[in-house]
C-alpha atoms as a PDB file:
ATOM      1  CA  MET A   1      -3.946-184.018  68.281  1.00  0.00           C
ATOM      2  CA  THR A   2      -7.211-185.695  69.433  1.00  0.00           C
ATOM      3  CA  GLU A   3      -7.936-183.314  71.946  1.00  0.00           C
ATOM      4  CA  LEU A   4      -8.106-180.703  69.069  1.00  0.00           C
ATOM      5  CA  ILE A   5     -10.395-183.431  66.919  1.00  0.00           C
ATOM      6  CA  LEU A   6     -12.818-183.580  70.227  1.00  0.00           C
ATOM      7  CA  TYR A   7     -13.182-179.805  70.697  1.00  0.00           C
ATOM      8  CA  SER A   8     -13.837-179.279  67.105  1.00  0.00           C
ATOM      9  CA  LEU A   9     -16.573-182.263  67.456  1.00  0.00           C
ATOM     10  CA  LEU A  10     -18.130-180.671  70.788  1.00  0.00           C
ATOM     11  CA  LEU A  11     -18.255-176.878  68.514  1.00  0.00           C
ATOM     12  CA  LEU A  12     -20.217-178.473  65.874  1.00  0.00           C
ATOM     13  CA  ALA A  13     -22.393-180.413  67.750  1.00  0.00           C
ATOM     14  CA  LEU A  14     -22.836-176.942  69.525  1.00  0.00           C
ATOM     15  CA  LEU A  15     -23.196-174.587  66.219  1.00  0.00           C
ATOM     16  CA  ALA A  16     -26.036-177.741  65.657  1.00  0.00           C
ATOM     17  CA  HIS A  17     -27.768-177.451  68.824  1.00  0.00           C
ATOM     18  CA  ILE A  18     -28.188-173.718  68.132  1.00  0.00           C
ATOM     19  CA  THR A  19     -29.009-173.405  64.653  1.00  0.00           C
ATOM     20  CA  PHE A  20     -31.724-175.727  65.541  1.00  0.00           C
ATOM     21  CA  ALA A  21     -33.118-174.512  68.765  1.00  0.00           C
ATOM     22  CA  MET A  22     -33.566-170.743  66.386  1.00  0.00           C
ATOM     23  CA  VAL A  23     -35.184-172.999  63.500  1.00  0.00           C
ATOM     24  CA  PHE A  24     -37.552-174.146  66.220  1.00  0.00           C
ATOM     25  CA  TYR A  25     -38.242-170.763  68.121  1.00  0.00           C
ATOM     26  CA  ARG A  26     -39.016-169.344  64.624  1.00  0.00           C
ATOM     27  CA  LYS A  27     -41.892-172.383  64.319  1.00  0.00           C
ATOM     28  CA  ILE A  28     -43.552-171.694  67.722  1.00  0.00           C
ATOM     29  CA  ASN A  29     -43.185-167.708  67.453  1.00  0.00           C
ATOM     30  CA  LYS A  30     -45.047-167.931  63.573  1.00  0.00           C
ATOM     31  CA  ASN A  31     -47.795-170.387  65.093  1.00  0.00           C
ATOM     32  CA  LYS A  32     -51.104-168.007  65.890  1.00  0.00           C
ATOM     33  CA  THR A  33     -52.628-170.781  67.533  1.00  0.00           C
ATOM     34  CA  LEU A  34     -50.751-170.781  70.326  1.00  0.00           C
ATOM     35  CA  SER A  35     -50.877-169.029  73.892  1.00  0.00           C
ATOM     36  CA  PHE A  36     -48.087-166.891  75.089  1.00  0.00           C
ATOM     37  CA  ARG A  37     -47.977-169.973  78.376  1.00  0.00           C
ATOM     38  CA  GLU A  38     -47.881-172.705  75.246  1.00  0.00           C
ATOM     39  CA  LYS A  39     -45.184-170.410  73.478  1.00  0.00           C
ATOM     40  CA  ASN A  40     -43.074-170.264  76.389  1.00  0.00           C
ATOM     41  CA  ASP A  41     -43.477-173.543  77.720  1.00  0.00           C
ATOM     42  CA  TRP A  42     -42.030-174.732  74.122  1.00  0.00           C
ATOM     43  CA  ARG A  43     -39.605-172.189  73.677  1.00  0.00           C
ATOM     44  CA  LEU A  44     -37.885-173.651  76.995  1.00  0.00           C
ATOM     45  CA  LYS A  45     -38.331-177.397  75.504  1.00  0.00           C
ATOM     46  CA  ALA A  46     -36.245-175.801  72.549  1.00  0.00           C
ATOM     47  CA  LEU A  47     -33.545-174.630  74.553  1.00  0.00           C
ATOM     48  CA  ILE A  48     -33.004-178.275  75.938  1.00  0.00           C
ATOM     49  CA  PHE A  49     -33.834-180.106  73.416  1.00  0.00           C
ATOM     50  CA  PRO A  50     -34.518-178.879  69.904  1.00  0.00           C
ATOM     51  CA  ALA A  51     -33.853-181.729  68.201  1.00  0.00           C
ATOM     52  CA  TYR A  52     -36.613-184.251  69.634  1.00  0.00           C
ATOM     53  CA  TYR A  53     -39.500-181.663  71.018  1.00  0.00           C
ATOM     54  CA  TRP A  54     -38.769-180.190  67.294  1.00  0.00           C
ATOM     55  CA  PHE A  55     -40.252-183.914  65.766  1.00  0.00           C
ATOM     56  CA  VAL A  56     -42.964-183.778  68.707  1.00  0.00           C
ATOM     57  CA  PHE A  57     -44.307-180.540  67.908  1.00  0.00           C
ATOM     58  CA  LYS A  58     -44.533-181.054  64.241  1.00  0.00           C
ATOM     59  CA  ASN A  59     -46.522-183.752  64.814  1.00  0.00           C
ATOM     60  CA  ARG A  60     -49.094-182.344  67.188  1.00  0.00           C
ATOM     61  CA  TYR A  61     -49.673-179.053  65.535  1.00  0.00           C
ATOM     62  CA  THR A  62     -49.136-179.835  61.577  1.00  0.00           C
END
């Protein structure tokens, strides 16, 4: 039973990570002030730690 709970929590964490990265990708693509290289840098950061870098991106560009 504990394995099922653990796997469920891991699945929820993975889904949250993917959803947050998707939202961050959309924000990056909508920003017209970023160059191609800057967009790629932010996309890479969005894949690794989307929640942390979303707040950094938000504070820097809004």
